[in-house]
C-alpha atoms as a PDB file:
ATOM      1  CA  MET A   1     -13.827 -18.856  27.547  1.00  0.00           C
ATOM      2  CA  ARG A   2     -15.725 -22.007  26.759  1.00  0.00           C
ATOM      3  CA  ILE A   3     -18.182 -21.687  23.788  1.00  0.00           C
ATOM      4  CA  LEU A   4     -20.903 -23.884  22.375  1.00  0.00           C
ATOM      5  CA  ILE A   5     -21.990 -23.206  18.854  1.00  0.00           C
ATOM      6  CA  ALA A   6     -25.338 -24.843  17.990  1.00  0.00           C
ATOM      7  CA  GLU A   7     -26.026 -24.440  14.339  1.00  0.00           C
ATOM      8  CA  ASP A   8     -27.440 -26.861  11.713  1.00  0.00           C
ATOM      9  CA  ASP A   9     -26.222 -24.893   8.712  1.00  0.00           C
ATOM     10  CA  LEU A  10     -22.710 -25.727   7.847  1.00  0.00           C
ATOM     11  CA  THR A  11     -21.755 -22.291   6.524  1.00  0.00           C
ATOM     12  CA  SER A  12     -23.046 -20.473   9.555  1.00  0.00           C
ATOM     13  CA  ARG A  13     -21.374 -22.938  11.906  1.00  0.00           C
ATOM     14  CA  LYS A  14     -17.972 -22.429  10.176  1.00  0.00           C
ATOM     15  CA  PHE A  15     -18.468 -18.646  10.205  1.00  0.00           C
ATOM     16  CA  LEU A  16     -19.275 -18.536  13.811  1.00  0.00           C
ATOM     17  CA  HIS A  17     -16.338 -20.882  14.670  1.00  0.00           C
ATOM     18  CA  LYS A  18     -13.988 -18.623  12.721  1.00  0.00           C
ATOM     19  CA  ILE A  19     -15.123 -15.565  14.627  1.00  0.00           C
ATOM     20  CA  LEU A  20     -15.228 -17.145  18.130  1.00  0.00           C
ATOM     21  CA  SER A  21     -12.324 -19.591  18.096  1.00  0.00           C
ATOM     22  CA  GLN A  22      -9.966 -16.572  18.625  1.00  0.00           C
ATOM     23  CA  TYR A  23     -11.752 -15.969  22.009  1.00  0.00           C
ATOM     24  CA  GLY A  24     -11.939 -19.411  23.403  1.00  0.00           C
ATOM     25  CA  GLU A  25     -12.410 -23.150  22.925  1.00  0.00           C
ATOM     26  CA  CYS A  26     -15.470 -23.870  20.668  1.00  0.00           C
ATOM     27  CA  ASP A  27     -17.585 -27.027  20.624  1.00  0.00           C
ATOM     28  CA  LEU A  28     -19.878 -27.509  17.688  1.00  0.00           C
ATOM     29  CA  VAL A  29     -23.197 -29.186  17.575  1.00  0.00           C
ATOM     30  CA  VAL A  30     -25.861 -29.471  14.751  1.00  0.00           C
ATOM     31  CA  ASP A  31     -29.181 -29.751  16.457  1.00  0.00           C
ATOM     32  CA  GLY A  32     -31.016 -29.081  19.665  1.00  0.00           C
ATOM     33  CA  LEU A  33     -30.624 -32.487  21.184  1.00  0.00           C
ATOM     34  CA  GLU A  34     -26.827 -32.383  20.677  1.00  0.00           C
ATOM     35  CA  THR A  35     -26.963 -28.902  22.289  1.00  0.00           C
ATOM     36  CA  LEU A  36     -28.614 -30.367  25.457  1.00  0.00           C
ATOM     37  CA  ASP A  37     -26.243 -33.240  25.545  1.00  0.00           C
ATOM     38  CA  ALA A  38     -23.170 -30.974  25.198  1.00  0.00           C
ATOM     39  CA  TYR A  39     -24.538 -28.704  27.917  1.00  0.00           C
ATOM     40  CA  LEU A  40     -25.173 -31.549  30.365  1.00  0.00           C
ATOM     41  CA  MET A  41     -21.782 -33.064  29.628  1.00  0.00           C
ATOM     42  CA  ALA A  42     -20.160 -29.708  30.388  1.00  0.00           C
ATOM     43  CA  MET A  43     -22.033 -29.403  33.686  1.00  0.00           C
ATOM     44  CA  LYS A  44     -21.127 -32.934  34.772  1.00  0.00           C
ATOM     45  CA  GLU A  45     -17.491 -32.216  34.033  1.00  0.00           C
ATOM     46  CA  ASN A  46     -17.736 -29.074  36.057  1.00  0.00           C
ATOM     47  CA  ASN A  47     -16.592 -27.045  33.051  1.00  0.00           C
ATOM     48  CA  PRO A  48     -19.702 -25.173  31.928  1.00  0.00           C
ATOM     49  CA  TYR A  49     -20.040 -23.029  28.854  1.00  0.00           C
ATOM     50  CA  ASP A  50     -19.573 -19.195  29.177  1.00  0.00           C
ATOM     51  CA  LEU A  51     -21.238 -18.572  25.867  1.00  0.00           C
ATOM     52  CA  ILE A  52     -23.782 -20.563  23.848  1.00  0.00           C
ATOM     53  CA  CYS A  53     -24.726 -19.388  20.319  1.00  0.00           C
ATOM     54  CA  LEU A  54     -28.043 -21.011  19.622  1.00  0.00           C
ATOM     55  CA  ASP A  55     -29.828 -21.136  16.260  1.00  0.00           C
ATOM     56  CA  ILE A  56     -33.548 -20.740  16.679  1.00  0.00           C
ATOM     57  CA  MET A  57     -34.430 -23.169  13.782  1.00  0.00           C
ATOM     58  CA  MET A  58     -32.719 -26.445  14.305  1.00  0.00           C
ATOM     59  CA  PRO A  59     -33.768 -30.093  13.794  1.00  0.00           C
ATOM     60  CA  LYS A  60     -34.973 -32.389  16.583  1.00  0.00           C
ATOM     61  CA  VAL A  61     -35.265 -29.653  19.234  1.00  0.00           C
ATOM     62  CA  ASP A  62     -35.484 -25.908  18.122  1.00  0.00           C
ATOM     63  CA  GLY A  63     -33.311 -23.247  19.690  1.00  0.00           C
ATOM     64  CA  VAL A  64     -36.097 -21.740  21.804  1.00  0.00           C
ATOM     65  CA  LYS A  65     -36.854 -25.161  23.383  1.00  0.00           C
ATOM     66  CA  ALA A  66     -33.177 -25.827  23.972  1.00  0.00           C
ATOM     67  CA  LEU A  67     -32.835 -22.282  25.579  1.00  0.00           C
ATOM     68  CA  LYS A  68     -35.804 -23.023  27.901  1.00  0.00           C
ATOM     69  CA  ALA A  69     -34.331 -26.467  28.853  1.00  0.00           C
ATOM     70  CA  ILE A  70     -30.921 -24.897  29.657  1.00  0.00           C
ATOM     71  CA  ARG A  71     -32.436 -22.175  31.764  1.00  0.00           C
ATOM     72  CA  ASP A  72     -34.613 -24.681  33.622  1.00  0.00           C
ATOM     73  CA  MET A  73     -31.478 -26.876  34.309  1.00  0.00           C
ATOM     74  CA  GLU A  74     -29.551 -23.838  35.579  1.00  0.00           C
ATOM     75  CA  LYS A  75     -32.557 -22.978  37.993  1.00  0.00           C
ATOM     76  CA  GLN A  76     -32.699 -26.576  39.176  1.00  0.00           C
ATOM     77  CA  ARG A  77     -28.936 -26.445  39.959  1.00  0.00           C
ATOM     78  CA  GLY A  78     -29.281 -23.184  41.804  1.00  0.00           C
ATOM     79  CA  ILE A  79     -27.011 -21.349  39.326  1.00  0.00           C
ATOM     80  CA  LEU A  80     -27.315 -17.657  39.983  1.00  0.00           C
ATOM     81  CA  PRO A  81     -28.328 -15.540  36.958  1.00  0.00           C
ATOM     82  CA  GLU A  82     -24.981 -13.697  36.814  1.00  0.00           C
ATOM     83  CA  LYS A  83     -23.225 -17.131  36.757  1.00  0.00           C
ATOM     84  CA  ARG A  84     -25.270 -18.790  34.064  1.00  0.00           C
ATOM     85  CA  ALA A  85     -24.193 -19.277  30.397  1.00  0.00           C
ATOM     86  CA  LYS A  86     -24.645 -16.180  28.174  1.00  0.00           C
ATOM     87  CA  ILE A  87     -26.841 -17.166  25.349  1.00  0.00           C
ATOM     88  CA  ILE A  88     -27.011 -15.401  21.944  1.00  0.00           C
ATOM     89  CA  MET A  89     -29.837 -16.541  19.638  1.00  0.00           C
ATOM     90  CA  THR A  90     -28.919 -16.575  16.056  1.00  0.00           C
ATOM     91  CA  THR A  91     -31.564 -16.750  13.159  1.00  0.00           C
ATOM     92  CA  ALA A  92     -32.361 -15.899   9.597  1.00  0.00           C
ATOM     93  CA  LEU A  93     -35.930 -15.548  10.578  1.00  0.00           C
ATOM     94  CA  ALA A  94     -37.328 -12.019  10.958  1.00  0.00           C
ATOM     95  CA  GLU A  95     -40.009 -13.447  13.188  1.00  0.00           C
ATOM     96  CA  ALA A  96     -40.432 -10.854  16.032  1.00  0.00           C
ATOM     97  CA  GLN A  97     -42.419 -13.465  18.116  1.00  0.00           C
ATOM     98  CA  TYR A  98     -39.600 -15.958  18.164  1.00  0.00           C
ATOM     99  CA  VAL A  99     -37.089 -13.264  19.196  1.00  0.00           C
ATOM    100  CA  GLN A 100     -39.501 -11.870  21.917  1.00  0.00           C
ATOM    101  CA  ASN A 101     -40.108 -15.448  23.278  1.00  0.00           C
ATOM    102  CA  ALA A 102     -36.410 -16.128  23.443  1.00  0.00           C
ATOM    103  CA  PHE A 103     -35.710 -12.945  25.449  1.00  0.00           C
ATOM    104  CA  GLU A 104     -38.699 -13.731  27.802  1.00  0.00           C
ATOM    105  CA  ILE A 105     -37.088 -17.269  28.395  1.00  0.00           C
ATOM    106  CA  GLY A 106     -33.786 -15.713  29.081  1.00  0.00           C
ATOM    107  CA  CYS A 107     -31.359 -15.083  26.266  1.00  0.00           C
ATOM    108  CA  GLU A 108     -28.930 -12.247  26.528  1.00  0.00           C
ATOM    109  CA  ALA A 109     -28.839 -11.202  22.803  1.00  0.00           C
ATOM    110  CA  TYR A 110     -30.011 -11.858  19.343  1.00  0.00           C
ATOM    111  CA  ALA A 111     -27.988 -11.901  16.116  1.00  0.00           C
ATOM    112  CA  ALA A 112     -29.711 -11.761  12.771  1.00  0.00           C
ATOM    113  CA  LYS A 113     -28.155 -13.716   9.864  1.00  0.00           C
ATOM    114  CA  PRO A 114     -26.171 -12.977   7.913  1.00  0.00           C
ATOM    115  CA  ILE A 115     -24.199 -12.065  11.071  1.00  0.00           C
ATOM    116  CA  ASP A 116     -22.494  -8.776  11.142  1.00  0.00           C
ATOM    117  CA  VAL A 117     -19.007  -9.465  12.618  1.00  0.00           C
ATOM    118  CA  VAL A 118     -18.551  -5.899  14.020  1.00  0.00           C
ATOM    119  CA  LYS A 119     -21.954  -5.841  15.759  1.00  0.00           C
ATOM    120  CA  PHE A 120     -21.469  -9.485  16.976  1.00  0.00           C
ATOM    121  CA  ILE A 121     -18.077  -8.559  18.688  1.00  0.00           C
ATOM    122  CA  GLU A 122     -19.787  -5.484  20.190  1.00  0.00           C
ATOM    123  CA  VAL A 123     -22.416  -7.744  21.784  1.00  0.00           C
ATOM    124  CA  LEU A 124     -19.664  -9.934  23.142  1.00  0.00           C
ATOM    125  CA  GLU A 125     -18.084  -6.935  24.698  1.00  0.00           C
ATOM    126  CA  LYS A 126     -21.367  -5.655  26.156  1.00  0.00           C
ATOM    127  CA  LEU A 127     -21.817  -9.209  27.823  1.00  0.00           C
ATOM    128  CA  ASN A 128     -18.316  -8.868  29.259  1.00  0.00           C
ATOM    129  CA  LEU A 129     -17.268 -11.981  27.432  1.00  0.00           C
ATOM    130  CA  ILE A 130     -14.283 -10.359  25.700  1.00  0.00           C
ATOM    131  CA  ASN A 131     -12.209  -7.229  26.197  1.00  0.00           C
ATOM    132  CA  LYS A 132     -12.071  -4.605  23.558  1.00  0.00           C
ATOM    133  CA  ASP A 133      -8.335  -4.956  23.531  1.00  0.00           C
ATOM    134  CA  LYS A 134      -8.481  -8.543  22.135  1.00  0.00           C
END
């Protein structure tokens, strides 16, 4: 599995990397612009991300705008919904409006910080990204 972790907070980035690196190859970016660059590069290389963990509050371009841009690019390329990247929004914000907006744009799940590892793994299983056996 190919994973993109978009997180401006070093501690959160390391934490997600530690959890996810056992399931696949992880790329790390620190803001929304780097997220979009990494996504575009992966598409150009014909090696798209299976999972993108996207922090809502990031510098330059926030996670919700990055999510919208990614979903728009997938639509333009004719990528079917079942083939597109699974996107999990992460945030320390308890802002229901941000979360609702992200779901309307097309994220698959939401993880509140601090991230509960057990719940996070359950979400990955529900999205069919990992097997329970792993």
